[in-house]
N, C-alpha and C. Protein backbone atom coordinates (compact mmCIF):
# COMPACT_ATOMS: atom_id res chain seq x y z
N UNK A 1 -33.62 24.03 3.69
CA UNK A 1 -32.99 22.75 3.94
C UNK A 1 -32.21 22.27 2.72
N UNK A 2 -32.77 22.49 1.53
CA UNK A 2 -32.10 22.07 0.30
C UNK A 2 -30.78 22.82 0.12
N UNK A 3 -30.77 24.10 0.48
CA UNK A 3 -29.54 24.90 0.36
C UNK A 3 -28.46 24.34 1.28
N UNK A 4 -28.86 23.99 2.50
CA UNK A 4 -27.91 23.42 3.46
C UNK A 4 -27.35 22.09 2.93
N UNK A 5 -28.21 21.26 2.37
CA UNK A 5 -27.75 19.98 1.81
C UNK A 5 -26.76 20.22 0.68
N UNK A 6 -27.06 21.21 -0.17
CA UNK A 6 -26.15 21.53 -1.28
C UNK A 6 -24.80 22.01 -0.75
N UNK A 7 -24.83 22.86 0.28
CA UNK A 7 -23.58 23.38 0.84
C UNK A 7 -22.77 22.27 1.50
N UNK A 8 -23.45 21.38 2.21
CA UNK A 8 -22.75 20.25 2.83
C UNK A 8 -22.17 19.35 1.75
N UNK A 9 -22.94 19.09 0.71
CA UNK A 9 -22.45 18.25 -0.39
C UNK A 9 -21.23 18.88 -1.05
N UNK A 10 -21.27 20.20 -1.26
CA UNK A 10 -20.14 20.90 -1.85
C UNK A 10 -18.92 20.83 -0.95
N UNK A 11 -19.13 21.05 0.35
CA UNK A 11 -18.04 20.98 1.31
C UNK A 11 -17.41 19.58 1.33
N UNK A 12 -18.25 18.56 1.35
CA UNK A 12 -17.73 17.20 1.34
C UNK A 12 -16.95 16.90 0.06
N UNK A 13 -17.43 17.44 -1.04
CA UNK A 13 -16.73 17.26 -2.31
C UNK A 13 -15.34 17.91 -2.26
N UNK A 14 -15.27 19.11 -1.70
CA UNK A 14 -13.98 19.82 -1.58
C UNK A 14 -13.05 19.05 -0.66
N UNK A 15 -13.57 18.62 0.49
CA UNK A 15 -12.76 17.86 1.44
C UNK A 15 -12.30 16.56 0.81
N UNK A 16 -13.20 15.87 0.13
CA UNK A 16 -12.85 14.61 -0.52
C UNK A 16 -11.76 14.83 -1.56
N UNK A 17 -11.89 15.90 -2.33
CA UNK A 17 -10.88 16.19 -3.35
C UNK A 17 -9.52 16.42 -2.73
N UNK A 18 -9.48 17.15 -1.62
CA UNK A 18 -8.21 17.40 -0.94
C UNK A 18 -7.64 16.10 -0.39
N UNK A 19 -8.49 15.28 0.21
CA UNK A 19 -8.04 14.02 0.80
C UNK A 19 -7.58 13.05 -0.27
N UNK A 20 -8.26 13.06 -1.41
CA UNK A 20 -7.87 12.17 -2.49
C UNK A 20 -6.49 12.54 -3.02
N UNK A 21 -6.20 13.83 -3.07
CA UNK A 21 -4.87 14.25 -3.53
C UNK A 21 -3.79 13.87 -2.52
N UNK A 22 -4.11 13.90 -1.23
CA UNK A 22 -3.14 13.60 -0.19
C UNK A 22 -2.99 12.09 0.00
N UNK A 23 -4.09 11.39 0.14
CA UNK A 23 -4.08 9.93 0.35
C UNK A 23 -5.28 9.33 -0.35
N UNK A 24 -5.12 9.00 -1.62
CA UNK A 24 -6.27 8.58 -2.42
C UNK A 24 -7.00 7.35 -1.91
N UNK A 25 -6.33 6.52 -1.13
CA UNK A 25 -6.98 5.28 -0.70
C UNK A 25 -8.11 5.50 0.29
N UNK A 26 -8.11 6.61 1.00
CA UNK A 26 -9.13 6.81 2.04
C UNK A 26 -10.54 6.78 1.48
N UNK A 27 -10.74 7.46 0.36
CA UNK A 27 -12.08 7.48 -0.20
C UNK A 27 -12.36 6.30 -1.10
N UNK A 28 -11.32 5.59 -1.52
CA UNK A 28 -11.55 4.38 -2.29
C UNK A 28 -12.12 3.29 -1.38
N UNK A 29 -11.46 3.05 -0.27
CA UNK A 29 -11.89 2.04 0.70
C UNK A 29 -11.38 2.48 2.06
N UNK A 30 -12.25 2.91 2.96
CA UNK A 30 -11.78 3.40 4.26
C UNK A 30 -10.93 2.40 5.02
N UNK A 31 -11.25 1.11 4.96
CA UNK A 31 -10.46 0.13 5.71
C UNK A 31 -9.03 0.07 5.18
N UNK A 32 -8.86 0.39 3.89
CA UNK A 32 -7.51 0.38 3.32
C UNK A 32 -6.68 1.50 3.92
N UNK A 33 -7.28 2.66 4.16
CA UNK A 33 -6.54 3.77 4.73
C UNK A 33 -5.99 3.38 6.09
N UNK A 34 -6.81 2.73 6.91
CA UNK A 34 -6.35 2.32 8.23
C UNK A 34 -5.26 1.27 8.14
N UNK A 35 -5.39 0.34 7.19
CA UNK A 35 -4.36 -0.66 6.99
C UNK A 35 -3.06 0.00 6.54
N UNK A 36 -3.19 0.93 5.61
CA UNK A 36 -2.03 1.65 5.10
C UNK A 36 -1.34 2.38 6.24
N UNK A 37 -2.11 3.01 7.10
CA UNK A 37 -1.54 3.74 8.24
C UNK A 37 -0.81 2.79 9.18
N UNK A 38 -1.37 1.62 9.44
CA UNK A 38 -0.70 0.66 10.32
C UNK A 38 0.61 0.20 9.70
N UNK A 39 0.64 0.03 8.38
CA UNK A 39 1.88 -0.39 7.71
C UNK A 39 2.94 0.70 7.86
N UNK A 40 2.55 1.97 7.68
CA UNK A 40 3.50 3.07 7.84
C UNK A 40 4.06 3.10 9.25
N UNK A 41 3.20 2.92 10.24
CA UNK A 41 3.65 2.91 11.63
C UNK A 41 4.59 1.74 11.85
N UNK A 42 4.23 0.57 11.32
CA UNK A 42 5.06 -0.62 11.48
C UNK A 42 6.45 -0.42 10.88
N UNK A 43 6.52 0.15 9.69
CA UNK A 43 7.82 0.35 9.04
C UNK A 43 8.67 1.37 9.77
N UNK A 44 8.06 2.25 10.54
CA UNK A 44 8.81 3.23 11.31
C UNK A 44 9.17 2.73 12.71
N UNK A 45 8.67 1.58 13.08
CA UNK A 45 8.95 1.03 14.41
C UNK A 45 10.40 0.55 14.46
N UNK A 46 11.13 0.85 15.54
CA UNK A 46 12.55 0.46 15.61
C UNK A 46 12.78 -1.05 15.48
N UNK A 47 11.87 -1.87 15.95
CA UNK A 47 12.06 -3.31 15.87
C UNK A 47 11.75 -3.90 14.51
N UNK A 48 11.14 -3.11 13.63
CA UNK A 48 10.74 -3.65 12.33
C UNK A 48 11.95 -4.02 11.48
N UNK A 49 12.99 -3.23 11.52
CA UNK A 49 14.19 -3.52 10.73
C UNK A 49 14.77 -4.87 11.12
N UNK A 50 14.74 -5.17 12.41
CA UNK A 50 15.24 -6.47 12.88
C UNK A 50 14.33 -7.60 12.40
N UNK A 51 13.02 -7.40 12.52
CA UNK A 51 12.07 -8.41 12.04
C UNK A 51 12.24 -8.63 10.54
N UNK A 52 12.39 -7.53 9.81
CA UNK A 52 12.54 -7.60 8.36
C UNK A 52 13.79 -8.39 7.99
N UNK A 53 14.87 -8.16 8.70
CA UNK A 53 16.12 -8.88 8.43
C UNK A 53 15.97 -10.37 8.71
N UNK A 54 15.29 -10.72 9.80
CA UNK A 54 15.06 -12.13 10.12
C UNK A 54 14.22 -12.78 9.03
N UNK A 55 13.19 -12.07 8.60
CA UNK A 55 12.33 -12.59 7.52
C UNK A 55 13.14 -12.85 6.26
N UNK A 56 13.93 -11.88 5.86
CA UNK A 56 14.72 -12.03 4.64
C UNK A 56 15.80 -13.10 4.76
N UNK A 57 16.28 -13.37 5.98
CA UNK A 57 17.27 -14.43 6.17
C UNK A 57 16.71 -15.80 5.80
N UNK A 58 15.40 -15.94 5.81
CA UNK A 58 14.78 -17.21 5.47
C UNK A 58 14.40 -17.32 4.00
N UNK A 59 14.78 -16.32 3.22
CA UNK A 59 14.52 -16.34 1.77
C UNK A 59 15.87 -16.46 1.06
N UNK A 60 16.18 -17.63 0.49
CA UNK A 60 17.46 -17.78 -0.19
C UNK A 60 17.57 -16.85 -1.40
N UNK A 61 18.76 -16.43 -1.72
CA UNK A 61 18.99 -15.59 -2.89
C UNK A 61 18.77 -16.39 -4.17
N UNK A 62 18.30 -15.69 -5.21
CA UNK A 62 18.19 -16.28 -6.53
C UNK A 62 16.95 -17.13 -6.78
N UNK A 63 15.95 -17.04 -5.91
CA UNK A 63 14.74 -17.82 -6.13
C UNK A 63 13.61 -16.91 -6.60
N UNK A 64 12.52 -17.53 -7.04
CA UNK A 64 11.32 -16.77 -7.42
C UNK A 64 10.44 -16.64 -6.19
N UNK A 65 9.99 -15.41 -5.93
CA UNK A 65 9.20 -15.13 -4.73
C UNK A 65 7.87 -14.51 -5.13
N UNK A 66 6.80 -15.00 -4.53
CA UNK A 66 5.48 -14.40 -4.69
C UNK A 66 5.16 -13.70 -3.38
N UNK A 67 5.07 -12.39 -3.41
CA UNK A 67 4.76 -11.61 -2.20
C UNK A 67 3.27 -11.32 -2.20
N UNK A 68 2.52 -12.12 -1.46
CA UNK A 68 1.07 -11.95 -1.37
C UNK A 68 0.80 -10.91 -0.29
N UNK A 69 0.11 -9.85 -0.68
CA UNK A 69 -0.11 -8.73 0.23
C UNK A 69 1.10 -7.82 0.23
N UNK A 70 1.59 -7.51 -0.96
CA UNK A 70 2.83 -6.74 -1.10
C UNK A 70 2.72 -5.29 -0.66
N UNK A 71 1.49 -4.83 -0.43
CA UNK A 71 1.27 -3.45 -0.02
C UNK A 71 1.88 -2.53 -1.07
N UNK A 72 2.65 -1.57 -0.66
CA UNK A 72 3.25 -0.63 -1.62
C UNK A 72 4.64 -1.03 -2.05
N UNK A 73 5.02 -2.26 -1.72
CA UNK A 73 6.29 -2.79 -2.23
C UNK A 73 7.52 -2.42 -1.44
N UNK A 74 7.39 -1.95 -0.21
CA UNK A 74 8.58 -1.58 0.57
C UNK A 74 9.48 -2.79 0.80
N UNK A 75 8.92 -3.82 1.40
CA UNK A 75 9.69 -5.03 1.67
C UNK A 75 9.99 -5.78 0.37
N UNK A 76 9.05 -5.75 -0.55
CA UNK A 76 9.20 -6.44 -1.83
C UNK A 76 10.41 -5.91 -2.58
N UNK A 77 10.62 -4.61 -2.53
CA UNK A 77 11.77 -4.00 -3.23
C UNK A 77 13.09 -4.50 -2.65
N UNK A 78 13.13 -4.69 -1.35
CA UNK A 78 14.35 -5.21 -0.72
C UNK A 78 14.59 -6.65 -1.16
N UNK A 79 13.55 -7.45 -1.15
CA UNK A 79 13.67 -8.86 -1.55
C UNK A 79 14.05 -8.96 -3.04
N UNK A 80 13.55 -8.02 -3.85
CA UNK A 80 13.79 -8.05 -5.30
C UNK A 80 15.25 -7.75 -5.66
N UNK A 81 16.02 -7.25 -4.71
CA UNK A 81 17.44 -6.98 -5.00
C UNK A 81 18.22 -8.27 -5.28
N UNK A 82 17.76 -9.37 -4.66
CA UNK A 82 18.49 -10.63 -4.82
C UNK A 82 17.62 -11.77 -5.36
N UNK A 83 16.37 -11.46 -5.69
CA UNK A 83 15.44 -12.48 -6.16
C UNK A 83 14.54 -11.94 -7.25
N UNK A 84 13.86 -12.86 -7.92
CA UNK A 84 12.83 -12.50 -8.88
C UNK A 84 11.51 -12.48 -8.12
N UNK A 85 10.86 -11.32 -8.05
CA UNK A 85 9.68 -11.17 -7.20
C UNK A 85 8.48 -10.66 -7.99
N UNK A 86 7.33 -11.24 -7.68
CA UNK A 86 6.05 -10.73 -8.16
C UNK A 86 5.23 -10.43 -6.91
N UNK A 87 4.66 -9.23 -6.86
CA UNK A 87 3.82 -8.85 -5.74
C UNK A 87 2.36 -8.89 -6.13
N UNK A 88 1.50 -9.21 -5.16
CA UNK A 88 0.05 -9.25 -5.38
C UNK A 88 -0.60 -8.51 -4.22
N UNK A 89 -1.59 -7.67 -4.54
CA UNK A 89 -2.33 -7.00 -3.48
C UNK A 89 -3.78 -6.80 -3.92
N UNK A 90 -4.64 -6.56 -2.93
CA UNK A 90 -6.06 -6.37 -3.18
C UNK A 90 -6.41 -4.96 -3.61
N UNK A 91 -5.53 -3.99 -3.34
CA UNK A 91 -5.83 -2.59 -3.59
C UNK A 91 -5.04 -2.05 -4.77
N UNK A 92 -5.76 -1.48 -5.72
CA UNK A 92 -5.13 -1.00 -6.96
C UNK A 92 -4.07 0.07 -6.70
N UNK A 93 -4.32 0.97 -5.74
CA UNK A 93 -3.31 2.01 -5.54
C UNK A 93 -2.06 1.46 -4.85
N UNK A 94 -2.18 0.37 -4.08
CA UNK A 94 -0.98 -0.28 -3.54
C UNK A 94 -0.18 -0.88 -4.69
N UNK A 95 -0.87 -1.52 -5.62
CA UNK A 95 -0.20 -2.13 -6.78
C UNK A 95 0.50 -1.06 -7.60
N UNK A 96 -0.17 0.07 -7.82
CA UNK A 96 0.45 1.17 -8.58
C UNK A 96 1.69 1.69 -7.87
N UNK A 97 1.60 1.83 -6.55
CA UNK A 97 2.76 2.33 -5.78
C UNK A 97 3.92 1.33 -5.87
N UNK A 98 3.62 0.04 -5.79
CA UNK A 98 4.66 -0.98 -5.93
C UNK A 98 5.26 -0.94 -7.33
N UNK A 99 4.41 -0.77 -8.34
CA UNK A 99 4.91 -0.65 -9.73
C UNK A 99 5.84 0.54 -9.88
N UNK A 100 5.51 1.66 -9.22
CA UNK A 100 6.39 2.84 -9.28
C UNK A 100 7.74 2.56 -8.64
N UNK A 101 7.80 1.61 -7.72
CA UNK A 101 9.08 1.22 -7.11
C UNK A 101 9.85 0.24 -8.00
N UNK A 102 9.26 -0.11 -9.14
CA UNK A 102 9.91 -1.05 -10.04
C UNK A 102 9.56 -2.50 -9.76
N UNK A 103 8.56 -2.72 -8.93
CA UNK A 103 8.12 -4.08 -8.59
C UNK A 103 7.08 -4.55 -9.61
N UNK A 104 7.22 -5.80 -10.02
CA UNK A 104 6.20 -6.41 -10.88
C UNK A 104 5.06 -6.82 -9.96
N UNK A 105 4.08 -5.95 -9.81
CA UNK A 105 2.94 -6.21 -8.90
C UNK A 105 1.65 -6.23 -9.71
N UNK A 106 0.75 -7.09 -9.29
CA UNK A 106 -0.55 -7.23 -9.95
C UNK A 106 -1.67 -7.16 -8.93
N UNK A 107 -2.84 -6.80 -9.44
CA UNK A 107 -4.03 -6.68 -8.61
C UNK A 107 -4.70 -8.05 -8.46
N UNK A 108 -4.93 -8.46 -7.24
CA UNK A 108 -5.65 -9.70 -6.97
C UNK A 108 -7.13 -9.40 -6.95
N UNK A 109 -7.89 -10.10 -7.74
CA UNK A 109 -9.33 -9.87 -7.78
C UNK A 109 -10.05 -11.12 -7.36
N UNK A 110 -10.99 -10.93 -6.46
CA UNK A 110 -11.76 -12.06 -5.94
C UNK A 110 -12.98 -12.25 -6.80
């Protein structure tokens, strides 16, 4: 039984390592992976571009914007073209991804 437990533990470690390289958020917080997936689906939805444009129409150019729940900075990057933007998110890897897009994003800690 101990050998089986060791083999299962090793297998899970290998699978986890592969998953972490592909999508690190899954093993950090499972609920984040599902949220991340919904965001990806939403951004690929044909109606999202229209919704995004309507949203941005209500943000005047040249103002300071706080994007709470900036995710990986997709929308934030668009808003940052004409505004000064700071993004905030609960997940460190979302903040890092937004930072890689050139967004000034910070981790919100409760």
